Amino acid sequence: MALVDEIMRTEGTGIPFGLSNNLLGWILFGVFDLIWDLYTVYTSGLDEDDEYGLSL
């Protein structure tokens, strides 16, 4: 038998993103959702003027 380190135990098992626990998936989703929500709130407060943004 091969000796497998605790860190490497989910490698090659087909688990997406190496998530060995469902809680880790919810944390990953929660962080993504928090960043998306903050971005949405920030962009909703920006001016929508034609002169706003990049110009040459």
PDB file of N, CA and C in Angstrom:
ATOM      1  N   MET A   1       0.831  -1.192   0.000  1.00  0.00           N
ATOM      2  CA  MET A   1       0.000   0.000   0.000  1.00  0.00           C
ATOM      3  C   MET A   1       0.870   1.249   0.000  1.00  0.00           C
ATOM      4  N   ALA A   2       0.375   2.258  -0.649  1.00  0.00           N
ATOM      5  CA  ALA A   2       1.097   3.525  -0.700  1.00  0.00           C
ATOM      6  C   ALA A   2       0.696   4.389   0.483  1.00  0.00           C
ATOM      7  N   LEU A   3       1.663   5.137   0.956  1.00  0.00           N
ATOM      8  CA  LEU A   3       1.406   6.069   2.050  1.00  0.00           C
ATOM      9  C   LEU A   3       0.912   7.376   1.448  1.00  0.00           C
ATOM     10  N   VAL A   4      -0.278   7.812   1.828  1.00  0.00           N
ATOM     11  CA  VAL A   4      -0.881   9.021   1.274  1.00  0.00           C
ATOM     12  C   VAL A   4      -0.950  10.077   2.361  1.00  0.00           C
ATOM     13  N   ASP A   5      -0.437  11.242   2.038  1.00  0.00           N
ATOM     14  CA  ASP A   5      -0.471  12.356   2.982  1.00  0.00           C
ATOM     15  C   ASP A   5      -1.909  12.853   3.131  1.00  0.00           C
ATOM     16  N   GLU A   6      -2.247  13.417   4.275  1.00  0.00           N
ATOM     17  CA  GLU A   6      -3.597  13.925   4.533  1.00  0.00           C
ATOM     18  C   GLU A   6      -3.984  15.022   3.547  1.00  0.00           C
ATOM     19  N   ILE A   7      -3.030  15.826   3.119  1.00  0.00           N
ATOM     20  CA  ILE A   7      -3.324  16.932   2.204  1.00  0.00           C
ATOM     21  C   ILE A   7      -3.697  16.399   0.819  1.00  0.00           C
ATOM     22  N   MET A   8      -3.138  15.293   0.416  1.00  0.00           N
ATOM     23  CA  MET A   8      -3.313  14.768  -0.931  1.00  0.00           C
ATOM     24  C   MET A   8      -4.473  13.782  -1.042  1.00  0.00           C
ATOM     25  N   ARG A   9      -5.267  13.600  -0.028  1.00  0.00           N
ATOM     26  CA  ARG A   9      -6.242  12.519  -0.020  1.00  0.00           C
ATOM     27  C   ARG A   9      -7.387  12.678  -1.015  1.00  0.00           C
ATOM     28  N   THR A  10      -7.701  13.897  -1.488  1.00  0.00           N
ATOM     29  CA  THR A  10      -8.800  14.068  -2.443  1.00  0.00           C
ATOM     30  C   THR A  10      -8.312  14.230  -3.875  1.00  0.00           C
ATOM     31  N   GLU A  11      -7.019  14.210  -4.099  1.00  0.00           N
ATOM     32  CA  GLU A  11      -6.490  14.391  -5.444  1.00  0.00           C
ATOM     33  C   GLU A  11      -6.776  13.150  -6.285  1.00  0.00           C
ATOM     34  N   GLY A  12      -7.352  13.369  -7.458  1.00  0.00           N
ATOM     35  CA  GLY A  12      -7.635  12.273  -8.368  1.00  0.00           C
ATOM     36  C   GLY A  12      -8.901  11.505  -8.050  1.00  0.00           C
ATOM     37  N   THR A  13      -9.732  11.998  -7.168  1.00  0.00           N
ATOM     38  CA  THR A  13     -10.960  11.292  -6.811  1.00  0.00           C
ATOM     39  C   THR A  13     -12.162  11.783  -7.595  1.00  0.00           C
ATOM     40  N   GLY A  14     -11.992  12.825  -8.395  1.00  0.00           N
ATOM     41  CA  GLY A  14     -13.096  13.349  -9.188  1.00  0.00           C
ATOM     42  C   GLY A  14     -13.970  14.331  -8.438  1.00  0.00           C
ATOM     43  N   ILE A  15     -13.550  14.741  -7.261  1.00  0.00           N
ATOM     44  CA  ILE A  15     -14.317  15.724  -6.493  1.00  0.00           C
ATOM     45  C   ILE A  15     -14.013  17.106  -7.071  1.00  0.00           C
ATOM     46  N   PRO A  16     -15.036  17.866  -7.503  1.00  0.00           N
ATOM     47  CA  PRO A  16     -14.773  19.176  -8.100  1.00  0.00           C
ATOM     48  C   PRO A  16     -14.136  20.132  -7.104  1.00  0.00           C
ATOM     49  N   PHE A  17     -13.112  20.843  -7.544  1.00  0.00           N
ATOM     50  CA  PHE A  17     -12.375  21.831  -6.755  1.00  0.00           C
ATOM     51  C   PHE A  17     -11.728  21.223  -5.514  1.00  0.00           C
ATOM     52  N   GLY A  18     -11.673  19.920  -5.403  1.00  0.00           N
ATOM     53  CA  GLY A  18     -11.081  19.276  -4.244  1.00  0.00           C
ATOM     54  C   GLY A  18     -11.862  19.473  -2.963  1.00  0.00           C
ATOM     55  N   LEU A  19     -13.165  19.696  -3.088  1.00  0.00           N
ATOM     56  CA  LEU A  19     -13.995  19.952  -1.910  1.00  0.00           C
ATOM     57  C   LEU A  19     -14.376  18.628  -1.260  1.00  0.00           C
ATOM     58  N   SER A  20     -13.729  18.316  -0.173  1.00  0.00           N
ATOM     59  CA  SER A  20     -14.004  17.059   0.512  1.00  0.00           C
ATOM     60  C   SER A  20     -15.151  17.186   1.504  1.00  0.00           C
ATOM     61  N   ASN A  21     -15.655  18.394   1.680  1.00  0.00           N
ATOM     62  CA  ASN A  21     -16.729  18.641   2.638  1.00  0.00           C
ATOM     63  C   ASN A  21     -17.732  19.589   1.977  1.00  0.00           C
ATOM     64  N   ASN A  22     -19.015  19.349   2.145  1.00  0.00           N
ATOM     65  CA  ASN A  22     -20.030  20.216   1.539  1.00  0.00           C
ATOM     66  C   ASN A  22     -19.962  21.637   2.074  1.00  0.00           C
ATOM     67  N   LEU A  23     -19.528  21.803   3.306  1.00  0.00           N
ATOM     68  CA  LEU A  23     -19.425  23.137   3.897  1.00  0.00           C
ATOM     69  C   LEU A  23     -18.444  24.009   3.121  1.00  0.00           C
ATOM     70  N   LEU A  24     -17.372  23.415   2.619  1.00  0.00           N
ATOM     71  CA  LEU A  24     -16.393  24.178   1.852  1.00  0.00           C
ATOM     72  C   LEU A  24     -17.007  24.719   0.561  1.00  0.00           C
ATOM     73  N   GLY A  25     -17.879  23.953  -0.057  1.00  0.00           N
ATOM     74  CA  GLY A  25     -18.571  24.421  -1.259  1.00  0.00           C
ATOM     75  C   GLY A  25     -19.481  25.593  -0.968  1.00  0.00           C
ATOM     76  N   TRP A  26     -20.191  25.529   0.156  1.00  0.00           N
ATOM     77  CA  TRP A  26     -21.068  26.638   0.531  1.00  0.00           C
ATOM     78  C   TRP A  26     -20.263  27.891   0.864  1.00  0.00           C
ATOM     79  N   ILE A  27     -19.103  27.723   1.482  1.00  0.00           N
ATOM     80  CA  ILE A  27     -18.246  28.874   1.781  1.00  0.00           C
ATOM     81  C   ILE A  27     -17.747  29.497   0.487  1.00  0.00           C
ATOM     82  N   LEU A  28     -17.315  28.675  -0.456  1.00  0.00           N
ATOM     83  CA  LEU A  28     -16.849  29.173  -1.750  1.00  0.00           C
ATOM     84  C   LEU A  28     -17.961  29.918  -2.474  1.00  0.00           C
ATOM     85  N   PHE A  29     -19.160  29.359  -2.477  1.00  0.00           N
ATOM     86  CA  PHE A  29     -20.307  30.011  -3.101  1.00  0.00           C
ATOM     87  C   PHE A  29     -20.647  31.319  -2.390  1.00  0.00           C
ATOM     88  N   GLY A  30     -20.591  31.335  -1.063  1.00  0.00           N
ATOM     89  CA  GLY A  30     -20.913  32.533  -0.288  1.00  0.00           C
ATOM     90  C   GLY A  30     -19.945  33.671  -0.555  1.00  0.00           C
ATOM     91  N   VAL A  31     -18.662  33.365  -0.667  1.00  0.00           N
ATOM     92  CA  VAL A  31     -17.665  34.403  -0.955  1.00  0.00           C
ATOM     93  C   VAL A  31     -17.886  34.959  -2.356  1.00  0.00           C
ATOM     94  N   PHE A  32     -18.135  34.092  -3.326  1.00  0.00           N
ATOM     95  CA  PHE A  32     -18.413  34.548  -4.688  1.00  0.00           C
ATOM     96  C   PHE A  32     -19.655  35.436  -4.715  1.00  0.00           C
ATOM     97  N   ASP A  33     -20.702  35.025  -4.011  1.00  0.00           N
ATOM     98  CA  ASP A  33     -21.946  35.793  -3.977  1.00  0.00           C
ATOM     99  C   ASP A  33     -21.740  37.144  -3.294  1.00  0.00           C
ATOM    100  N   LEU A  34     -20.952  37.181  -2.231  1.00  0.00           N
ATOM    101  CA  LEU A  34     -20.676  38.440  -1.539  1.00  0.00           C
ATOM    102  C   LEU A  34     -19.955  39.418  -2.460  1.00  0.00           C
ATOM    103  N   ILE A  35     -18.948  38.937  -3.182  1.00  0.00           N
ATOM    104  CA  ILE A  35     -18.211  39.803  -4.108  1.00  0.00           C
ATOM    105  C   ILE A  35     -19.130  40.278  -5.227  1.00  0.00           C
ATOM    106  N   TRP A  36     -19.967  39.394  -5.754  1.00  0.00           N
ATOM    107  CA  TRP A  36     -20.902  39.770  -6.820  1.00  0.00           C
ATOM    108  C   TRP A  36     -21.888  40.829  -6.330  1.00  0.00           C
ATOM    109  N   ASP A  37     -22.409  40.654  -5.118  1.00  0.00           N
ATOM    110  CA  ASP A  37     -23.357  41.625  -4.560  1.00  0.00           C
ATOM    111  C   ASP A  37     -22.704  42.982  -4.342  1.00  0.00           C
ATOM    112  N   LEU A  38     -21.480  43.003  -3.824  1.00  0.00           N
ATOM    113  CA  LEU A  38     -20.775  44.271  -3.622  1.00  0.00           C
ATOM    114  C   LEU A  38     -20.512  44.969  -4.954  1.00  0.00           C
ATOM    115  N   TYR A  39     -20.148  44.213  -5.976  1.00  0.00           N
ATOM    116  CA  TYR A  39     -19.931  44.781  -7.304  1.00  0.00           C
ATOM    117  C   TYR A  39     -21.224  45.371  -7.864  1.00  0.00           C
ATOM    118  N   THR A  40     -22.330  44.666  -7.695  1.00  0.00           N
ATOM    119  CA  THR A  40     -23.621  45.141  -8.193  1.00  0.00           C
ATOM    120  C   THR A  40     -24.037  46.430  -7.500  1.00  0.00           C
ATOM    121  N   VAL A  41     -23.869  46.497  -6.198  1.00  0.00           N
ATOM    122  CA  VAL A  41     -24.223  47.711  -5.453  1.00  0.00           C
ATOM    123  C   VAL A  41     -23.327  48.864  -5.878  1.00  0.00           C
ATOM    124  N   TYR A  42     -22.036  48.596  -6.072  1.00  0.00           N
ATOM    125  CA  TYR A  42     -21.107  49.648  -6.479  1.00  0.00           C
ATOM    126  C   TYR A  42     -21.450  50.190  -7.864  1.00  0.00           C
ATOM    127  N   THR A  43     -21.711  49.303  -8.818  1.00  0.00           N
ATOM    128  CA  THR A  43     -21.972  49.759 -10.180  1.00  0.00           C
ATOM    129  C   THR A  43     -23.341  50.418 -10.319  1.00  0.00           C
ATOM    130  N   SER A  44     -24.272  50.121  -9.436  1.00  0.00           N
ATOM    131  CA  SER A  44     -25.584  50.765  -9.529  1.00  0.00           C
ATOM    132  C   SER A  44     -25.506  52.236  -9.126  1.00  0.00           C
ATOM    133  N   GLY A  45     -24.487  52.608  -8.385  1.00  0.00           N
ATOM    134  CA  GLY A  45     -24.340  53.993  -7.961  1.00  0.00           C
ATOM    135  C   GLY A  45     -23.508  54.839  -8.905  1.00  0.00           C
ATOM    136  N   LEU A  46     -22.985  54.263  -9.974  1.00  0.00           N
ATOM    137  CA  LEU A  46     -22.156  55.019 -10.909  1.00  0.00           C
ATOM    138  C   LEU A  46     -23.026  55.844 -11.848  1.00  0.00           C
ATOM    139  N   ASP A  47     -22.456  56.947 -12.316  1.00  0.00           N
ATOM    140  CA  ASP A  47     -23.159  57.779 -13.288  1.00  0.00           C
ATOM    141  C   ASP A  47     -23.221  57.050 -14.626  1.00  0.00           C
ATOM    142  N   GLU A  48     -24.320  57.235 -15.337  1.00  0.00           N
ATOM    143  CA  GLU A  48     -24.483  56.599 -16.643  1.00  0.00           C
ATOM    144  C   GLU A  48     -24.452  57.652 -17.746  1.00  0.00           C
ATOM    145  N   ASP A  49     -23.537  58.567 -17.632  1.00  0.00           N
ATOM    146  CA  ASP A  49     -23.389  59.635 -18.609  1.00  0.00           C
ATOM    147  C   ASP A  49     -22.567  59.128 -19.797  1.00  0.00           C
ATOM    148  N   ASP A  50     -22.833  59.681 -20.990  1.00  0.00           N
ATOM    149  CA  ASP A  50     -22.083  59.281 -22.172  1.00  0.00           C
ATOM    150  C   ASP A  50     -20.619  59.686 -22.073  1.00  0.00           C
ATOM    151  N   GLU A  51     -20.332  60.730 -21.337  1.00  0.00           N
ATOM    152  CA  GLU A  51     -18.967  61.212 -21.195  1.00  0.00           C
ATOM    153  C   GLU A  51     -18.188  60.426 -20.138  1.00  0.00           C
ATOM    154  N   TYR A  52     -18.858  59.551 -19.434  1.00  0.00           N
ATOM    155  CA  TYR A  52     -18.225  58.800 -18.356  1.00  0.00           C
ATOM    156  C   TYR A  52     -17.548  57.558 -18.917  1.00  0.00           C
ATOM    157  N   GLY A  53     -16.366  57.257 -18.458  1.00  0.00           N
ATOM    158  CA  GLY A  53     -15.685  56.044 -18.891  1.00  0.00           C
ATOM    159  C   GLY A  53     -14.409  56.361 -19.637  1.00  0.00           C
ATOM    160  N   LEU A  54     -13.967  55.419 -20.437  1.00  0.00           N
ATOM    161  CA  LEU A  54     -12.722  55.577 -21.161  1.00  0.00           C
ATOM    162  C   LEU A  54     -12.913  56.473 -22.374  1.00  0.00           C
ATOM    163  N   SER A  55     -11.901  57.242 -22.653  1.00  0.00           N
ATOM    164  CA  SER A  55     -11.947  58.095 -23.844  1.00  0.00           C
ATOM    165  C   SER A  55     -10.589  58.041 -24.523  1.00  0.00           C
ATOM    166  N   LEU A  56     -10.596  58.286 -25.802  1.00  0.00           N
ATOM    167  CA  LEU A  56      -9.344  58.274 -26.567  1.00  0.00           C
ATOM    168  C   LEU A  56      -8.749  59.643 -26.658  1.00  0.00           C
TER     169      LEU A  56
END
